[in-house]
Amino acid sequence: MSKRAIFLSGKRGGGASGPTTTTETTTWQVSAGGDDGWVVHNSTTTSFHATSLLGGFWLVSGIVPYGTYVFCRFQNVTIPQGATIDTAKLTFKTLATIDGGAEHGDLDAHTFKVDAIDEDDVSAPSTSSDVNNHATTTEEIVDWSLTSSVADDADLDTPEIKTVLQEVVGRDGWESGNAVMFRYYSEETDSSDGSGSTVDCRLDVQSYEESSSDAAKLVVTYTY
């Protein structure tokens, strides 16, 4: 953690100093097996998984289309209520080639979404409905556009997501030390290989269960 205190001087001759603000940059990491995973869903069914993180659109037996929500929950996020989020991002470690690799399908034709569960202190999910469209999520959603050149076994950052996190820490009931949970997913219901055939199109990243040191990270700079 790094800290930088900023002193704002008062009016000349007034003898009083102005307020002091502090800017901090902190990294949190998923720290428990129940704090990351994915929900798979289609028009008729959903299922909950706490294993490797598969996000996007994919096929079962080449026939049944499924979409997925990846979730990652961070405990003890020590950002004061109402702090200003200057920058924020999620950092994932992609799957290694030996595990099937990170990139499946035409990612550059596929846009993911990043949002968060809109609660003061979100609990670890245990069912699909804790994660999928039945959950209460932030109004702020960030588009995450990738290309078909995502490296295997490498760090991968989301775009700037400060507006998403700002919505959570700006809640009246938010307190320093609460937990926050993000999701990435796709609203698209299919993906085409150009011939009209539907194909897998997903991004696979490491879960806590696979490697606790490679679990998702939340990196934030904030001022209060």
Protein backbone atom coordinates (compact mmCIF):
# COMPACT_ATOMS: atom_id res chain seq x y z
CA MET A 1 0.00 0.00 0.00
CA SER A 2 1.25 3.45 -0.80
CA LYS A 3 0.04 6.68 0.72
CA ARG A 4 0.35 10.25 -0.45
CA ALA A 5 -0.92 13.07 1.76
CA ILE A 6 -2.00 16.24 0.00
CA PHE A 7 -2.09 19.48 2.01
CA LEU A 8 -4.40 22.21 0.83
CA SER A 9 -3.41 25.58 2.27
CA GLY A 10 -5.94 28.06 3.65
CA LYS A 11 -6.35 31.69 2.73
CA ARG A 12 -3.34 33.98 3.08
CA GLY A 13 -3.24 35.83 6.37
CA GLY A 14 -6.07 33.78 7.78
CA GLY A 15 -3.77 31.70 9.92
CA ALA A 16 -5.88 28.57 9.38
CA SER A 17 -4.90 25.66 7.23
CA GLY A 18 -7.25 24.00 4.80
CA PRO A 19 -8.32 20.37 4.83
CA THR A 20 -5.88 17.51 4.33
CA THR A 21 -6.76 14.74 1.93
CA THR A 22 -5.10 11.38 1.46
CA THR A 23 -4.67 9.39 -1.72
CA GLU A 24 -3.97 5.67 -1.47
CA THR A 25 -3.28 2.91 -3.98
CA THR A 26 -4.21 -0.55 -2.71
CA THR A 27 -4.48 -4.02 -4.20
CA TRP A 28 -6.93 -6.63 -2.93
CA GLN A 29 -6.95 -10.27 -4.09
CA VAL A 30 -9.58 -12.98 -4.00
CA SER A 31 -8.73 -14.80 -0.77
CA ALA A 32 -11.14 -17.75 -0.51
CA GLY A 33 -12.43 -20.50 -2.75
CA GLY A 34 -16.04 -19.40 -2.40
CA ASP A 35 -15.21 -15.89 -3.57
CA ASP A 36 -14.79 -16.63 -7.27
CA GLY A 37 -16.43 -18.86 -9.83
CA TRP A 38 -18.94 -18.77 -12.63
CA VAL A 39 -22.60 -19.32 -13.42
CA VAL A 40 -23.59 -20.97 -16.67
CA HIS A 41 -27.04 -20.34 -18.07
CA ASN A 42 -29.25 -20.72 -21.11
CA SER A 43 -32.96 -20.24 -21.75
CA THR A 44 -33.96 -23.23 -19.63
CA THR A 45 -31.34 -23.84 -16.93
CA THR A 46 -28.58 -22.37 -14.77
CA SER A 47 -25.79 -23.96 -12.74
CA PHE A 48 -23.27 -22.63 -10.21
CA HIS A 49 -19.53 -23.44 -10.31
CA ALA A 50 -16.60 -22.46 -8.09
CA THR A 51 -13.80 -23.70 -10.34
CA SER A 52 -11.87 -22.31 -13.33
CA LEU A 53 -13.41 -19.07 -14.54
CA LEU A 54 -15.05 -19.29 -17.95
CA GLY A 55 -16.60 -16.11 -19.30
CA GLY A 56 -18.54 -15.51 -22.49
CA PHE A 57 -20.50 -17.82 -24.73
CA TRP A 58 -19.90 -21.51 -25.35
CA LEU A 59 -21.50 -24.72 -26.58
CA VAL A 60 -22.17 -28.02 -24.90
CA SER A 61 -21.70 -30.94 -27.30
CA GLY A 62 -21.65 -28.38 -30.10
CA ILE A 63 -25.41 -27.95 -29.86
CA VAL A 64 -26.73 -26.27 -26.71
CA PRO A 65 -25.73 -22.59 -26.32
CA TYR A 66 -24.73 -21.32 -22.89
CA GLY A 67 -23.62 -17.97 -21.54
CA THR A 68 -21.59 -17.43 -18.39
CA TYR A 69 -21.18 -14.88 -15.60
CA VAL A 70 -17.76 -14.86 -13.95
CA PHE A 71 -17.73 -13.43 -10.41
CA CYS A 72 -14.91 -12.36 -8.08
CA ARG A 73 -15.48 -11.12 -4.52
CA PHE A 74 -12.95 -9.10 -2.55
CA GLN A 75 -13.07 -9.07 1.25
CA ASN A 76 -12.08 -6.27 3.64
CA VAL A 77 -12.04 -3.49 1.05
CA THR A 78 -10.84 -0.64 3.25
CA ILE A 79 -12.13 2.27 1.19
CA PRO A 80 -14.03 4.84 3.28
CA GLN A 81 -17.65 5.49 2.43
CA GLY A 82 -17.91 8.30 -0.12
CA ALA A 83 -14.22 8.26 -1.09
CA THR A 84 -13.41 9.39 -4.62
CA ILE A 85 -12.28 6.50 -6.83
CA ASP A 86 -9.50 7.88 -9.02
CA THR A 87 -8.70 4.66 -10.91
CA ALA A 88 -9.79 1.04 -10.59
CA LYS A 89 -9.22 -2.16 -12.55
CA LEU A 90 -9.45 -5.91 -12.21
CA THR A 91 -6.39 -7.99 -13.08
CA PHE A 92 -6.82 -11.63 -14.03
CA LYS A 93 -4.28 -14.34 -14.83
CA THR A 94 -5.31 -16.17 -17.98
CA LEU A 95 -5.26 -19.94 -18.23
CA ALA A 96 -2.10 -21.64 -19.41
CA THR A 97 -1.99 -23.46 -22.74
CA ILE A 98 -1.70 -26.78 -20.96
CA ASP A 99 -5.06 -26.11 -19.28
CA GLY A 100 -6.81 -25.26 -22.52
CA GLY A 101 -5.67 -21.68 -22.90
CA ALA A 102 -7.40 -18.36 -22.41
CA GLU A 103 -8.84 -17.63 -25.82
CA HIS A 104 -11.74 -19.47 -27.42
CA GLY A 105 -13.43 -18.24 -30.56
CA ASP A 106 -13.40 -14.82 -32.16
CA LEU A 107 -12.93 -12.57 -29.14
CA ASP A 108 -12.52 -9.41 -31.22
CA ALA A 109 -16.14 -9.82 -32.31
CA HIS A 110 -17.32 -10.23 -28.74
CA THR A 111 -17.76 -7.51 -26.09
CA PHE A 112 -17.84 -8.42 -22.42
CA LYS A 113 -19.47 -6.34 -19.70
CA VAL A 114 -18.10 -5.55 -16.22
CA ASP A 115 -20.37 -4.53 -13.33
CA ALA A 116 -20.72 -5.18 -9.58
CA ILE A 117 -23.32 -6.42 -7.15
CA ASP A 118 -25.01 -3.30 -5.77
CA GLU A 119 -24.97 -4.14 -2.04
CA ASP A 120 -23.26 -2.63 1.00
CA ASP A 121 -21.41 -5.79 2.05
CA VAL A 122 -22.01 -8.62 -0.38
CA SER A 123 -21.85 -12.20 0.90
CA ALA A 124 -20.08 -14.99 -0.93
CA PRO A 125 -22.54 -16.40 -3.47
CA SER A 126 -23.80 -19.94 -3.10
CA THR A 127 -26.45 -20.20 -5.83
CA SER A 128 -26.85 -19.08 -9.43
CA SER A 129 -29.39 -16.43 -8.47
CA ASP A 130 -26.76 -14.71 -6.29
CA VAL A 131 -24.78 -13.96 -9.45
CA ASN A 132 -26.95 -13.95 -12.55
CA ASN A 133 -29.69 -11.57 -13.65
CA HIS A 134 -31.69 -12.09 -10.46
CA ALA A 135 -28.99 -10.24 -8.50
CA THR A 136 -29.14 -6.49 -7.92
CA THR A 137 -26.31 -4.96 -9.91
CA THR A 138 -24.85 -1.52 -10.46
CA GLU A 139 -26.32 0.82 -13.02
CA GLU A 140 -22.76 1.51 -14.12
CA ILE A 141 -21.52 -1.09 -16.60
CA VAL A 142 -18.19 -0.98 -18.46
CA ASP A 143 -17.65 -2.48 -21.91
CA TRP A 144 -14.58 -4.74 -22.19
CA SER A 145 -13.54 -5.34 -25.79
CA LEU A 146 -10.83 -7.94 -26.41
CA THR A 147 -9.00 -9.26 -29.43
CA SER A 148 -8.20 -12.77 -30.60
CA SER A 149 -4.63 -12.40 -29.35
CA VAL A 150 -5.11 -12.84 -25.61
CA ALA A 151 -1.95 -14.45 -24.24
CA ASP A 152 -2.05 -17.62 -22.19
CA ASP A 153 -0.71 -17.60 -18.60
CA ALA A 154 -0.46 -13.79 -18.54
CA ASP A 155 -1.87 -10.86 -16.60
CA LEU A 156 -4.92 -9.31 -18.23
CA ASP A 157 -6.46 -6.04 -17.08
CA THR A 158 -10.00 -4.83 -17.52
CA PRO A 159 -10.59 -1.29 -18.76
CA GLU A 160 -11.11 1.51 -16.23
CA ILE A 161 -13.95 0.50 -13.88
CA LYS A 162 -13.86 3.38 -11.40
CA THR A 163 -17.46 4.36 -12.12
CA VAL A 164 -18.65 0.88 -11.14
CA LEU A 165 -16.76 0.86 -7.85
CA GLN A 166 -17.75 4.48 -7.14
CA GLU A 167 -21.40 3.47 -7.24
CA VAL A 168 -20.79 0.83 -4.54
CA VAL A 169 -18.62 2.86 -2.14
CA GLY A 170 -20.98 5.82 -2.55
CA ARG A 171 -23.88 3.84 -1.08
CA ASP A 172 -25.15 5.20 2.25
CA GLY A 173 -24.58 1.84 3.91
CA TRP A 174 -21.08 1.19 2.58
CA GLU A 175 -18.36 0.98 5.27
CA SER A 176 -14.62 0.51 5.10
CA GLY A 177 -13.88 -3.21 5.48
CA ASN A 178 -16.94 -4.38 3.55
CA ALA A 179 -16.82 -6.83 0.64
CA VAL A 180 -17.46 -6.01 -3.01
CA MET A 181 -18.16 -8.45 -5.85
CA PHE A 182 -17.63 -7.84 -9.58
CA ARG A 183 -18.83 -9.80 -12.59
CA TYR A 184 -17.78 -10.08 -16.20
CA TYR A 185 -20.15 -11.59 -18.74
CA SER A 186 -21.66 -11.12 -22.16
CA GLU A 187 -25.16 -10.12 -23.14
CA GLU A 188 -24.73 -11.72 -26.53
CA THR A 189 -26.57 -14.98 -27.03
CA ASP A 190 -24.50 -16.43 -29.82
CA SER A 191 -21.26 -16.11 -31.76
CA SER A 192 -20.60 -16.94 -35.38
CA ASP A 193 -17.51 -18.20 -37.17
CA GLY A 194 -18.54 -16.25 -40.30
CA SER A 195 -20.32 -19.14 -41.97
CA GLY A 196 -23.37 -18.97 -39.77
CA SER A 197 -22.19 -21.79 -37.52
CA THR A 198 -22.23 -21.06 -33.81
CA VAL A 199 -18.90 -21.55 -32.01
CA ASP A 200 -17.33 -21.16 -28.58
CA CYS A 201 -16.40 -17.59 -27.74
CA ARG A 202 -15.07 -17.23 -24.22
CA LEU A 203 -12.22 -15.99 -22.04
CA ASP A 204 -10.81 -18.40 -19.43
CA VAL A 205 -8.95 -17.06 -16.39
CA GLN A 206 -7.48 -18.58 -13.22
CA SER A 207 -9.58 -19.17 -10.13
CA TYR A 208 -8.49 -19.21 -6.49
CA GLU A 209 -8.87 -23.00 -6.44
CA GLU A 210 -6.41 -23.39 -9.30
CA SER A 211 -3.80 -20.99 -7.91
CA SER A 212 -4.39 -18.72 -4.92
CA SER A 213 -1.45 -16.53 -5.97
CA ASP A 214 -2.97 -16.05 -9.44
CA ALA A 215 -6.52 -15.29 -8.28
CA ALA A 216 -8.15 -12.08 -9.48
CA LYS A 217 -6.92 -8.75 -8.10
CA LEU A 218 -8.64 -5.41 -7.59
CA VAL A 219 -6.28 -2.42 -7.91
CA VAL A 220 -7.66 0.93 -6.77
CA THR A 221 -6.38 4.46 -6.27
CA TYR A 222 -8.76 6.53 -4.16
CA THR A 223 -8.84 9.85 -2.34
CA TYR A 224 -10.63 10.73 0.89
